[in-house]
Amino acid sequence: MATRITITDSGQTQTLNGPLAPDTPDDSLQRISDVYFAKKTTTDNGTRVNFTKIDSAHMQQDHQNQNIPYDSILGKTVYLIIETSNMATLSIDAVIRPSADTMTENTDPLQLMRFVSPDRYEAQRLFTVQVGNFDALNNRQGSHDHYGNLNDHINKAIIKLQLRPDGRATFDDWTRRLADGSINLEVAVERTDNNPCAYGEGQEEVNGAGVFLNDDRGRFRVVNRNIYTIYHGSNTYNTLQEISINPSRRRRIQKVLNNHSTEVIFFYHDQNDNEHRICARTKESVTRKRRVNAIPPLAQRGNLLQTIDFTANRTAGENIDAHQLLVYSNGTLGDGATDKWYANQPGNVELVNMDILANNGVGPQIFEAFNYNQNGVIIRYGFQHTRRRSVQPDLFAGFLGALAQFRQEGHTHYIVSQGFSYSDASCYPSAEHVNGEAGDLNLLTTQQNGVNTVLAAANFDYDNQVILRNILFDFGFGSGRSENFSNTSNTSTADNASTRLPHTTHTATPRHNNHLHVHGFTPILDIYA
């Protein structure tokens, strides 16, 4: 006899027996044919919606087109799709449970966060959903009418949920137990009215529940990771906090902080709410730094831990200020035209390496660091005259989002950075770049090739520089430094009189006429904040 599971009102299950399923299904039966987790995909400029399965039989790929050995992440938003036939408008109950006790010390149904309205997720253990109801597709205006093919999904029951409990303490408990492992989640479903139906390819309607994602035909594997979810500014599914009414502006990034993983995954949702897995980075925890005026004598610097020499870079023509960095246990000495001391401060800061392609060459040329180009989203940037390629994960999320939106709005400029901070959190010779808190970008040119210019040059692309600066501001880079200038030689008329780039202060010592400096990033809120 085949094993069947029935769901009680409490969300608990009990085992029943039912008949074995014949090979050929009877299409006249009331049937739950398939249950799977999915991500939403849209086409035709966001007017058609479909669902892409995410499980071990439908493996996802990373930015290098390599298969990912898991399907989702604790804390991530997913869709649960229940496909039916001959069950229009009927209600279905579902529970999601771990296949082993690794994560929760039992295999009871999980309490997870269900989307119930555009601004609210509710903790539920028993998910009841009506076939053909599309409320799970509502945007922040409570509408799903922009999808013109909803009739294609009339026989589906759709649940939108986040794979997390409602409290940080429980989440931390789950992630601590799971650690570096993974957990398979399976789904049990049955009709809410407890009447019989067929499951899968079964040819008889049976009492009790059917279980899906519990065998090698497809498993749903979940792991620990830190998550950043980044939204295009025109994405109407961004329900994060509105921080400005006139003009309307809301937070564009949310993170799920995972205290038991050092891996960080950055997801971008474009203007039509298609999800893009941009990249993964490993975050390193390093001692905070602050540039101070007094350089301590050698005996007070602590042990010399590392010497980073830039002689080869400078010889090859890279305009790097530091000759070398001497990393001591009490701070870092930047050795250059004028030595600078970066003293250790209480606490640590987390940094990620922005140089994803990790080109080991030397010289004054632009070193491409990343070039993501998939499904209509392009994020491309490089570095020039700098080895300061570490940044806080929050800032990196804002940087990725700004570059993605800038490109999606039709601008093809190659974005090139003059650096953030070094991997030890120092930033010779700067003070504001410590701890990965600030970055410098080459000014945009009409050639759009990333090669730098100055504010007063004929090839300075003022109009697009303003657009980029405003997008960076919207993604969290609240402050900046540039210089007052006028330029009658370029194609823009907006800078013929004295002006300054938006969201910047005039800073001529040291000179800021050949780059845009951005800092003052708005911290990104954790999902439990």
Protein backbone atom coordinates (compact mmCIF):
# COMPACT_ATOMS: atom_id res chain seq x y z
CA MET A 1 0.00 0.00 0.00
CA ALA A 2 1.21 3.56 -0.70
CA THR A 3 1.84 5.78 2.29
CA ARG A 4 -0.37 8.87 2.60
CA ILE A 5 -0.08 11.82 4.98
CA THR A 6 -3.03 13.82 6.24
CA ILE A 7 -2.78 17.35 7.65
CA THR A 8 -4.62 18.24 10.84
CA ASP A 9 -5.88 21.69 11.79
CA SER A 10 -2.78 22.25 13.94
CA GLY A 11 -0.49 21.70 10.96
CA GLN A 12 0.60 18.31 12.29
CA THR A 13 0.41 15.22 10.09
CA GLN A 14 -0.60 11.62 10.54
CA THR A 15 0.04 8.61 8.31
CA LEU A 16 -2.74 6.95 6.35
CA ASN A 17 -2.64 4.24 3.69
CA GLY A 18 -4.00 4.59 0.17
CA PRO A 19 -3.90 2.60 -3.05
CA LEU A 20 -0.88 2.45 -5.31
CA ALA A 21 -1.01 4.82 -8.28
CA PRO A 22 -1.30 3.25 -11.76
CA ASP A 23 1.02 4.38 -14.52
CA THR A 24 -1.59 6.27 -16.57
CA PRO A 25 -3.39 9.15 -14.83
CA ASP A 26 -7.13 9.68 -15.24
CA ASP A 27 -7.55 13.28 -16.43
CA SER A 28 -11.14 13.47 -15.25
CA LEU A 29 -10.17 13.23 -11.58
CA GLN A 30 -9.77 16.10 -9.17
CA ARG A 31 -6.02 16.14 -8.92
CA ILE A 32 -3.04 17.87 -7.33
CA SER A 33 -0.55 17.04 -10.03
CA ASP A 34 2.60 18.82 -8.89
CA VAL A 35 3.92 20.93 -6.01
CA TYR A 36 7.17 22.86 -6.29
CA PHE A 37 9.07 25.94 -5.20
CA ALA A 38 9.70 28.52 -7.90
CA LYS A 39 10.88 31.99 -8.73
CA LYS A 40 8.66 34.36 -10.65
CA THR A 41 9.71 35.29 -14.17
CA THR A 42 8.16 37.97 -16.35
CA THR A 43 8.35 38.68 -20.06
CA ASP A 44 6.93 41.18 -22.56
CA ASN A 45 8.00 44.17 -20.47
CA GLY A 46 6.47 42.75 -17.33
CA THR A 47 3.04 41.95 -18.75
CA ARG A 48 3.32 38.14 -18.70
CA VAL A 49 4.19 36.07 -15.65
CA ASN A 50 5.40 32.51 -15.30
CA PHE A 51 7.20 30.40 -12.72
CA THR A 52 10.57 28.68 -12.96
CA LYS A 53 11.07 25.58 -10.83
CA ILE A 54 13.92 25.62 -8.34
CA ASP A 55 14.88 22.18 -7.10
CA SER A 56 17.61 19.59 -7.53
CA ALA A 57 16.19 18.54 -10.91
CA HIS A 58 16.20 22.16 -12.16
CA MET A 59 19.56 23.42 -10.97
CA GLN A 60 20.30 27.13 -10.98
CA GLN A 61 23.56 28.69 -12.10
CA ASP A 62 25.81 31.43 -10.77
CA HIS A 63 27.29 34.40 -12.65
CA GLN A 64 29.93 32.09 -14.13
CA ASN A 65 27.25 29.69 -15.41
CA GLN A 66 28.32 27.06 -12.88
CA ASN A 67 25.67 24.88 -11.26
CA ILE A 68 24.75 25.89 -7.72
CA PRO A 69 24.67 22.88 -5.34
CA TYR A 70 21.58 24.11 -3.52
CA ASP A 71 18.18 25.55 -4.41
CA SER A 72 17.44 28.32 -1.94
CA ILE A 73 18.61 30.09 1.19
CA LEU A 74 17.12 30.52 4.64
CA GLY A 75 15.42 33.91 4.68
CA LYS A 76 14.88 34.12 0.94
CA THR A 77 11.53 34.91 -0.69
CA VAL A 78 10.14 32.13 -2.90
CA TYR A 79 6.85 31.02 -4.42
CA LEU A 80 5.18 27.71 -3.63
CA ILE A 81 3.18 26.52 -6.64
CA ILE A 82 0.47 23.85 -6.43
CA GLU A 83 -0.68 22.65 -9.85
CA THR A 84 -4.16 21.10 -10.06
CA SER A 85 -6.78 19.92 -12.49
CA ASN A 86 -10.56 19.93 -12.10
CA MET A 87 -10.22 21.82 -8.79
CA ALA A 88 -11.03 25.41 -9.78
CA THR A 89 -11.79 27.67 -6.76
CA LEU A 90 -11.25 24.82 -4.25
CA SER A 91 -8.99 25.46 -1.25
CA ILE A 92 -5.87 23.48 -0.45
CA ASP A 93 -3.91 23.13 2.80
CA ALA A 94 -0.13 22.85 2.70
CA VAL A 95 2.63 22.42 5.25
CA ILE A 96 6.37 22.63 4.69
CA ARG A 97 8.60 20.48 6.81
CA PRO A 98 12.28 19.47 6.96
CA SER A 99 13.09 15.95 5.85
CA ALA A 100 15.49 15.49 8.80
CA ASP A 101 15.88 16.90 12.30
CA THR A 102 19.18 18.64 11.51
CA MET A 103 17.83 22.19 11.62
CA THR A 104 15.00 22.14 14.17
CA GLU A 105 15.67 18.89 16.11
CA ASN A 106 12.43 17.48 14.66
CA THR A 107 10.57 17.14 11.38
CA ASP A 108 7.44 19.04 12.39
CA PRO A 109 5.94 21.55 9.93
CA LEU A 110 7.84 24.81 9.89
CA GLN A 111 6.37 28.14 10.83
CA LEU A 112 7.35 30.46 7.96
CA MET A 113 6.52 34.00 6.89
CA ARG A 114 3.69 34.19 4.35
CA PHE A 115 2.93 37.20 2.17
CA VAL A 116 -0.60 38.34 3.11
CA SER A 117 -0.60 41.95 1.88
CA PRO A 118 1.87 44.28 0.14
CA ASP A 119 3.30 45.49 3.43
CA ARG A 120 2.93 42.45 5.66
CA TYR A 121 4.18 38.90 6.03
CA GLU A 122 2.49 36.71 8.64
CA ALA A 123 3.90 33.70 10.48
CA GLN A 124 1.95 30.58 9.49
CA ARG A 125 2.45 26.87 9.89
CA LEU A 126 -0.61 25.75 7.93
CA PHE A 127 -0.92 27.49 4.55
CA THR A 128 -4.44 27.55 3.13
CA VAL A 129 -4.77 28.80 -0.44
CA GLN A 130 -7.48 28.88 -3.08
CA VAL A 131 -6.88 27.57 -6.58
CA GLY A 132 -6.98 30.45 -9.06
CA ASN A 133 -6.44 33.20 -6.48
CA PHE A 134 -3.64 35.57 -7.50
CA ASP A 135 -3.22 37.73 -4.40
CA ALA A 136 0.31 36.33 -4.02
CA LEU A 137 1.17 38.28 -7.20
CA ASN A 138 0.08 41.67 -5.83
CA ASN A 139 2.52 44.55 -6.03
CA ARG A 140 2.70 47.30 -3.41
CA GLN A 141 -0.47 48.89 -4.85
CA GLY A 142 -2.27 45.61 -4.20
CA SER A 143 -2.64 44.93 -7.93
CA HIS A 144 -1.76 42.06 -10.25
CA ASP A 145 -3.80 43.28 -13.24
CA HIS A 146 -0.61 44.16 -15.12
CA TYR A 147 -0.19 40.46 -15.88
CA GLY A 148 -2.22 39.69 -19.01
CA ASN A 149 -1.83 35.92 -18.97
CA LEU A 150 -3.29 35.06 -15.57
CA ASN A 151 -5.67 32.62 -17.22
CA ASP A 152 -2.60 30.45 -17.92
CA HIS A 153 -2.36 29.90 -14.17
CA ILE A 154 -6.04 29.55 -13.30
CA ASN A 155 -5.49 25.95 -12.13
CA LYS A 156 -2.61 26.86 -9.82
CA ALA A 157 -2.64 27.71 -6.14
CA ILE A 158 0.14 30.22 -5.44
CA ILE A 159 1.77 31.06 -2.11
CA LYS A 160 4.48 33.67 -1.67
CA LEU A 161 6.61 33.21 1.42
CA GLN A 162 9.95 33.84 3.08
CA LEU A 163 11.93 30.82 4.27
CA ARG A 164 12.36 32.07 7.81
CA PRO A 165 10.58 32.11 11.19
CA ASP A 166 9.17 35.33 12.64
CA GLY A 167 11.89 35.88 15.26
CA ARG A 168 15.63 36.49 15.04
CA ALA A 169 16.35 34.14 17.97
CA THR A 170 14.66 31.19 16.26
CA PHE A 171 16.33 32.05 12.95
CA ASP A 172 19.73 32.10 14.64
CA ASP A 173 18.93 28.77 16.26
CA TRP A 174 18.08 27.22 12.88
CA THR A 175 21.19 28.60 11.22
CA ARG A 176 23.44 27.50 14.09
CA ARG A 177 22.24 23.91 13.79
CA LEU A 178 22.38 23.92 10.01
CA ALA A 179 25.88 25.47 9.94
CA ASP A 180 27.63 24.57 6.66
CA GLY A 181 25.14 21.86 5.78
CA SER A 182 21.87 21.86 3.89
CA ILE A 183 18.35 20.72 4.63
CA ASN A 184 15.73 19.28 2.27
CA LEU A 185 12.26 20.73 2.61
CA GLU A 186 9.24 18.71 1.53
CA VAL A 187 5.60 19.74 1.15
CA ALA A 188 2.45 17.90 2.21
CA VAL A 189 -0.85 19.04 0.65
CA GLU A 190 -4.52 18.07 0.78
CA ARG A 191 -7.93 19.57 0.14
CA THR A 192 -9.08 21.89 2.91
CA ASP A 193 -12.51 20.21 2.96
CA ASN A 194 -10.78 16.83 3.53
CA ASN A 195 -12.50 15.32 0.48
CA PRO A 196 -10.44 12.94 -1.62
CA CYS A 197 -8.34 13.83 -4.65
CA ALA A 198 -5.66 12.23 -6.77
CA TYR A 199 -1.96 13.06 -6.38
CA GLY A 200 0.74 13.16 -9.01
CA GLU A 201 -0.09 10.57 -11.66
CA GLY A 202 -2.33 8.52 -9.40
CA GLN A 203 -5.51 7.23 -11.04
CA GLU A 204 -7.70 7.22 -7.96
CA GLU A 205 -8.94 9.94 -5.67
CA VAL A 206 -7.82 9.09 -2.15
CA ASN A 207 -8.34 10.50 1.31
CA GLY A 208 -5.40 12.07 3.07
CA ALA A 209 -2.51 14.16 1.90
CA GLY A 210 0.12 13.84 -0.78
CA VAL A 211 3.79 14.53 -0.20
CA PHE A 212 6.02 16.22 -2.78
CA LEU A 213 9.74 16.98 -3.10
CA ASN A 214 10.56 13.94 -0.99
CA ASP A 215 12.37 11.72 -3.51
CA ASP A 216 15.08 11.80 -6.15
CA ARG A 217 12.74 13.20 -8.81
CA GLY A 218 13.38 16.56 -7.17
CA ARG A 219 14.45 17.82 -3.78
CA PHE A 220 14.42 21.36 -2.41
CA ARG A 221 17.80 21.98 -0.76
CA VAL A 222 18.20 24.99 1.54
CA VAL A 223 21.44 26.41 2.99
CA ASN A 224 22.80 29.23 5.16
CA ARG A 225 23.95 32.41 3.41
CA ASN A 226 23.81 36.17 3.93
CA ILE A 227 21.41 37.69 1.42
CA TYR A 228 21.15 41.16 -0.13
CA THR A 229 17.98 41.84 -2.13
CA ILE A 230 18.40 44.92 -4.36
CA TYR A 231 15.51 46.61 -6.20
CA HIS A 232 15.47 48.75 -9.34
CA GLY A 233 13.96 52.13 -8.48
CA SER A 234 10.89 51.50 -10.67
CA ASN A 235 10.15 48.05 -9.23
CA THR A 236 6.63 48.19 -7.78
CA TYR A 237 7.27 45.02 -5.76
CA ASN A 238 9.71 46.87 -3.53
CA THR A 239 7.77 47.28 -0.28
CA LEU A 240 10.68 48.55 1.80
CA GLN A 241 10.38 51.68 3.93
CA GLU A 242 9.50 54.92 2.16
CA ILE A 243 12.06 57.50 3.29
CA SER A 244 10.99 60.48 1.19
CA ILE A 245 7.53 61.50 -0.01
CA ASN A 246 8.29 64.48 -2.26
CA PRO A 247 9.96 63.20 -4.28
CA SER A 248 8.89 59.67 -3.48
CA ARG A 249 11.88 57.56 -2.51
CA ARG A 250 12.14 54.33 -0.57
CA ARG A 251 14.90 52.06 0.60
CA ARG A 252 16.10 49.85 -2.23
CA ILE A 253 18.02 47.14 -0.43
CA GLN A 254 17.24 44.66 2.32
CA LYS A 255 19.54 42.08 3.84
CA VAL A 256 19.12 38.84 5.70
CA LEU A 257 22.02 38.72 8.13
CA ASN A 258 23.13 35.15 8.78
CA ASN A 259 25.40 34.91 11.80
CA HIS A 260 26.56 31.42 10.91
CA SER A 261 27.82 31.99 7.38
CA THR A 262 30.50 34.16 5.80
CA GLU A 263 29.11 33.76 2.28
CA VAL A 264 27.15 36.69 0.84
CA ILE A 265 24.79 36.42 -2.15
CA PHE A 266 23.64 39.55 -3.99
CA PHE A 267 20.27 39.37 -5.78
CA TYR A 268 18.93 42.13 -8.02
CA HIS A 269 15.26 42.57 -8.95
CA ASP A 270 14.86 44.56 -12.15
CA GLN A 271 12.06 46.99 -12.99
CA ASN A 272 9.75 44.08 -13.91
CA ASP A 273 10.66 42.16 -10.73
CA ASN A 274 12.72 39.49 -12.46
CA GLU A 275 15.29 38.14 -10.04
CA HIS A 276 18.98 38.04 -10.98
CA ARG A 277 21.58 36.24 -8.91
CA ILE A 278 24.42 38.71 -9.44
CA CYS A 279 27.35 37.25 -7.54
CA ALA A 280 28.59 35.63 -4.34
CA ARG A 281 31.41 36.92 -2.15
CA THR A 282 33.07 35.80 1.06
CA LYS A 283 33.16 38.44 3.77
CA GLU A 284 36.22 38.84 5.98
CA SER A 285 36.09 40.30 9.47
CA VAL A 286 39.00 42.69 10.11
CA THR A 287 39.89 45.16 12.84
CA ARG A 288 38.49 48.64 12.31
CA LYS A 289 40.95 51.41 11.46
CA ARG A 290 41.16 55.18 11.84
CA ARG A 291 43.81 57.46 10.40
CA VAL A 292 45.57 59.38 13.20
CA ASN A 293 48.18 62.13 13.11
CA ALA A 294 50.79 60.59 15.40
CA ILE A 295 52.78 57.63 14.09
CA PRO A 296 53.75 55.47 17.08
CA PRO A 297 57.38 54.42 17.54
CA LEU A 298 58.28 51.00 16.26
CA ALA A 299 58.13 49.43 19.72
CA GLN A 300 54.44 50.44 20.06
CA ARG A 301 53.23 49.13 16.73
CA GLY A 302 53.06 45.49 17.76
CA ASN A 303 54.19 42.57 15.66
CA LEU A 304 54.67 43.04 11.94
CA LEU A 305 52.04 40.76 10.44
CA GLN A 306 52.32 41.51 6.72
CA THR A 307 54.15 43.70 4.23
CA ILE A 308 52.30 44.60 1.04
CA ASP A 309 54.71 45.99 -1.54
CA PHE A 310 53.55 48.07 -4.52
CA THR A 311 56.97 48.53 -6.14
CA ALA A 312 56.07 46.35 -9.13
CA ASN A 313 52.81 48.22 -9.64
CA ARG A 314 54.44 51.63 -9.51
CA THR A 315 57.28 50.52 -11.80
CA ALA A 316 54.70 49.32 -14.32
CA GLY A 317 53.09 52.75 -14.36
CA GLU A 318 50.25 52.44 -11.88
CA ASN A 319 49.65 55.70 -10.08
CA ILE A 320 49.50 54.17 -6.58
CA ASP A 321 50.27 56.57 -3.71
CA ALA A 322 51.50 53.92 -1.28
CA HIS A 323 54.96 52.43 -1.78
CA GLN A 324 54.06 49.71 0.68
CA LEU A 325 51.76 48.88 3.57
CA LEU A 326 53.25 47.59 6.81
CA VAL A 327 50.47 45.81 8.66
CA TYR A 328 51.20 45.60 12.40
CA SER A 329 49.10 44.06 15.14
CA ASN A 330 48.19 47.58 16.40
CA GLY A 331 47.60 49.26 13.06
CA THR A 332 48.93 49.85 9.54
CA LEU A 333 51.71 52.17 8.42
CA GLY A 334 51.23 53.52 4.93
CA ASP A 335 54.66 54.22 3.45
CA GLY A 336 54.62 56.90 0.76
CA ALA A 337 55.46 60.52 0.09
CA THR A 338 54.18 61.21 3.61
CA ASP A 339 53.76 58.28 5.99
CA LYS A 340 50.29 57.75 7.46
CA TRP A 341 49.29 55.65 10.45
CA TYR A 342 45.97 53.78 10.59
CA ALA A 343 45.41 52.81 14.19
CA ASN A 344 43.30 49.83 15.20
CA GLN A 345 39.92 50.74 16.68
CA PRO A 346 37.54 48.74 18.90
CA GLY A 347 35.47 46.22 17.04
CA ASN A 348 35.62 44.63 13.63
CA VAL A 349 34.28 45.52 10.21
CA GLU A 350 33.24 43.08 7.50
CA LEU A 351 34.69 43.57 4.01
CA VAL A 352 34.29 41.83 0.66
CA ASN A 353 36.65 41.89 -2.28
CA MET A 354 35.09 43.74 -5.23
CA ASP A 355 37.70 42.42 -7.67
CA ILE A 356 35.73 39.36 -8.76
CA LEU A 357 37.74 38.60 -11.90
CA ALA A 358 41.02 39.09 -9.97
CA ASN A 359 43.26 40.04 -12.90
CA ASN A 360 46.81 39.77 -11.56
CA GLY A 361 48.40 42.07 -14.14
CA VAL A 362 50.12 45.37 -13.35
CA GLY A 363 50.17 48.68 -15.18
CA PRO A 364 48.17 51.89 -15.70
CA GLN A 365 45.45 50.23 -17.77
CA ILE A 366 41.92 49.60 -16.56
CA PHE A 367 41.59 46.19 -14.92
CA GLU A 368 38.13 44.77 -15.47
CA ALA A 369 36.80 43.50 -12.17
CA PHE A 370 33.31 42.26 -13.08
CA ASN A 371 31.13 41.94 -16.15
CA TYR A 372 27.69 40.49 -15.47
CA ASN A 373 25.56 40.30 -18.61
CA GLN A 374 22.50 38.07 -18.33
CA ASN A 375 18.83 38.39 -19.20
CA GLY A 376 18.90 42.11 -19.88
CA VAL A 377 20.96 43.15 -16.85
CA ILE A 378 24.53 44.40 -17.29
CA ILE A 379 26.85 45.31 -14.42
CA ARG A 380 30.36 46.13 -15.57
CA TYR A 381 33.10 47.91 -13.67
CA GLY A 382 36.87 48.02 -13.38
CA PHE A 383 39.73 49.54 -11.36
CA GLN A 384 42.50 51.90 -12.39
CA HIS A 385 45.52 53.17 -10.42
CA THR A 386 44.43 51.45 -7.24
CA ARG A 387 44.67 48.24 -5.27
CA ARG A 388 42.07 49.45 -2.75
CA ARG A 389 39.45 46.95 -3.79
CA SER A 390 37.68 46.02 -0.54
CA VAL A 391 34.33 47.41 0.58
CA GLN A 392 31.63 46.76 3.14
CA PRO A 393 28.92 44.39 1.84
CA ASP A 394 26.24 47.08 2.34
CA LEU A 395 28.09 49.50 0.07
CA PHE A 396 28.78 46.80 -2.47
CA ALA A 397 25.05 46.06 -2.69
CA GLY A 398 24.36 49.76 -3.30
CA PHE A 399 27.12 49.94 -5.90
CA LEU A 400 25.79 46.90 -7.78
CA GLY A 401 22.24 48.22 -7.73
CA ALA A 402 23.23 51.67 -8.97
CA LEU A 403 25.28 50.27 -11.85
CA ALA A 404 22.53 47.85 -12.85
CA GLN A 405 19.86 50.56 -12.95
CA PHE A 406 22.15 53.07 -14.71
CA ARG A 407 22.76 50.55 -17.48
CA GLN A 408 19.12 49.48 -17.70
CA GLU A 409 18.15 53.11 -18.22
CA GLY A 410 20.18 53.12 -21.41
CA HIS A 411 23.62 54.39 -20.34
CA THR A 412 26.53 52.32 -21.65
CA HIS A 413 29.42 53.98 -19.80
CA TYR A 414 32.14 51.74 -18.40
CA ILE A 415 32.29 52.50 -14.67
CA VAL A 416 35.84 52.57 -13.33
CA SER A 417 36.86 52.99 -9.69
CA GLN A 418 39.96 54.61 -8.21
CA GLY A 419 39.45 52.56 -5.08
CA PHE A 420 37.66 52.00 -1.78
CA SER A 421 39.90 50.54 0.94
CA TYR A 422 42.64 47.93 1.29
CA SER A 423 41.81 44.48 2.59
CA ASP A 424 43.09 45.38 6.08
CA ALA A 425 40.62 48.36 6.20
CA SER A 426 43.35 51.03 5.78
CA CYS A 427 43.25 53.35 2.78
CA TYR A 428 46.52 55.28 2.30
CA PRO A 429 46.58 58.25 1.95
CA SER A 430 42.88 58.91 2.57
CA ALA A 431 41.06 59.27 5.87
CA GLU A 432 37.45 58.75 4.72
CA HIS A 433 38.07 55.51 2.82
CA VAL A 434 38.86 53.54 5.99
CA ASN A 435 36.82 50.42 6.73
CA GLY A 436 35.47 50.25 3.18
CA GLU A 437 33.26 53.27 3.85
CA ALA A 438 33.96 55.37 0.74
CA GLY A 439 34.97 55.03 -2.89
CA ASP A 440 36.31 57.07 -5.80
CA LEU A 441 34.99 56.76 -9.36
CA ASN A 442 36.49 58.02 -12.59
CA LEU A 443 34.46 60.84 -14.11
CA LEU A 444 32.31 59.83 -17.08
CA THR A 445 33.36 60.81 -20.57
CA THR A 446 31.54 61.08 -23.88
CA GLN A 447 33.72 58.21 -25.12
CA GLN A 448 32.10 56.04 -22.38
CA ASN A 449 35.23 53.87 -22.16
CA GLY A 450 36.08 54.42 -18.49
CA VAL A 451 39.23 56.47 -19.19
CA ASN A 452 39.36 59.33 -16.72
CA THR A 453 39.01 63.05 -17.36
CA VAL A 454 38.59 66.27 -15.38
CA LEU A 455 35.54 68.42 -14.71
CA ALA A 456 36.65 71.19 -17.09
CA ALA A 457 37.51 68.93 -20.05
CA ALA A 458 35.61 68.94 -23.32
CA ASN A 459 34.90 65.19 -23.07
CA PHE A 460 33.45 65.36 -19.56
CA ASP A 461 29.91 63.92 -19.76
CA TYR A 462 28.24 66.17 -17.23
CA ASP A 463 24.62 65.21 -17.93
CA ASN A 464 25.17 61.48 -17.49
CA GLN A 465 27.45 62.07 -14.49
CA VAL A 466 24.54 63.84 -12.79
CA ILE A 467 22.25 60.92 -13.57
CA LEU A 468 24.74 58.41 -12.15
CA ARG A 469 25.33 60.50 -9.04
CA ASN A 470 21.59 60.72 -8.37
CA ILE A 471 21.17 56.96 -8.78
CA LEU A 472 24.07 56.32 -6.41
CA PHE A 473 22.34 58.63 -3.93
CA ASP A 474 19.07 56.72 -4.27
CA PHE A 475 20.90 53.46 -3.55
CA GLY A 476 22.38 54.82 -0.33
CA PHE A 477 25.50 56.88 -1.07
CA GLY A 478 24.24 59.97 0.72
CA SER A 479 27.36 62.15 0.62
CA GLY A 480 30.11 62.91 -1.83
CA ARG A 481 33.01 65.17 -2.70
CA SER A 482 33.70 67.06 -5.92
CA GLU A 483 34.65 70.65 -6.82
CA ASN A 484 32.89 73.79 -7.97
CA PHE A 485 33.53 74.25 -11.69
CA SER A 486 32.22 75.55 -14.97
CA ASN A 487 32.68 74.00 -18.39
CA THR A 488 31.73 75.73 -21.64
CA SER A 489 33.71 73.32 -23.81
CA ASN A 490 31.61 70.19 -23.44
CA THR A 491 28.23 69.42 -25.03
CA SER A 492 26.18 70.18 -21.94
CA THR A 493 24.81 73.65 -21.32
CA ALA A 494 23.79 72.85 -17.76
CA ASP A 495 27.35 73.35 -16.49
CA ASN A 496 28.22 76.55 -18.40
CA ALA A 497 27.88 78.52 -15.17
CA SER A 498 29.51 77.62 -11.87
CA THR A 499 28.04 74.37 -10.62
CA ARG A 500 28.84 71.22 -8.65
CA LEU A 501 27.76 67.62 -8.95
CA PRO A 502 24.64 66.86 -6.88
CA HIS A 503 24.96 65.46 -3.37
CA THR A 504 28.60 66.55 -3.07
CA THR A 505 30.54 69.19 -1.15
CA HIS A 506 33.27 71.34 -2.66
CA THR A 507 36.65 69.82 -1.72
CA ALA A 508 39.76 71.21 -3.41
CA THR A 509 42.31 70.11 -0.79
CA PRO A 510 43.11 67.48 -1.83
CA ARG A 511 41.86 68.02 -5.37
CA HIS A 512 38.58 66.38 -6.38
CA ASN A 513 38.40 67.63 -9.96
CA ASN A 514 39.28 64.26 -11.53
CA HIS A 515 37.00 61.82 -9.70
CA LEU A 516 33.72 61.49 -7.86
CA HIS A 517 34.12 60.57 -4.19
CA VAL A 518 31.08 58.91 -2.56
CA HIS A 519 30.59 58.11 1.12
CA GLY A 520 28.03 58.54 3.90
CA PHE A 521 26.25 55.31 2.98
CA THR A 522 22.87 54.69 4.62
CA PRO A 523 23.12 51.40 6.57
CA ILE A 524 20.95 48.61 5.17
CA LEU A 525 18.36 47.22 7.55
CA ASP A 526 18.32 43.55 8.41
CA ILE A 527 15.03 41.82 7.66
CA TYR A 528 14.45 41.40 11.41
CA ALA A 529 15.08 45.08 12.21
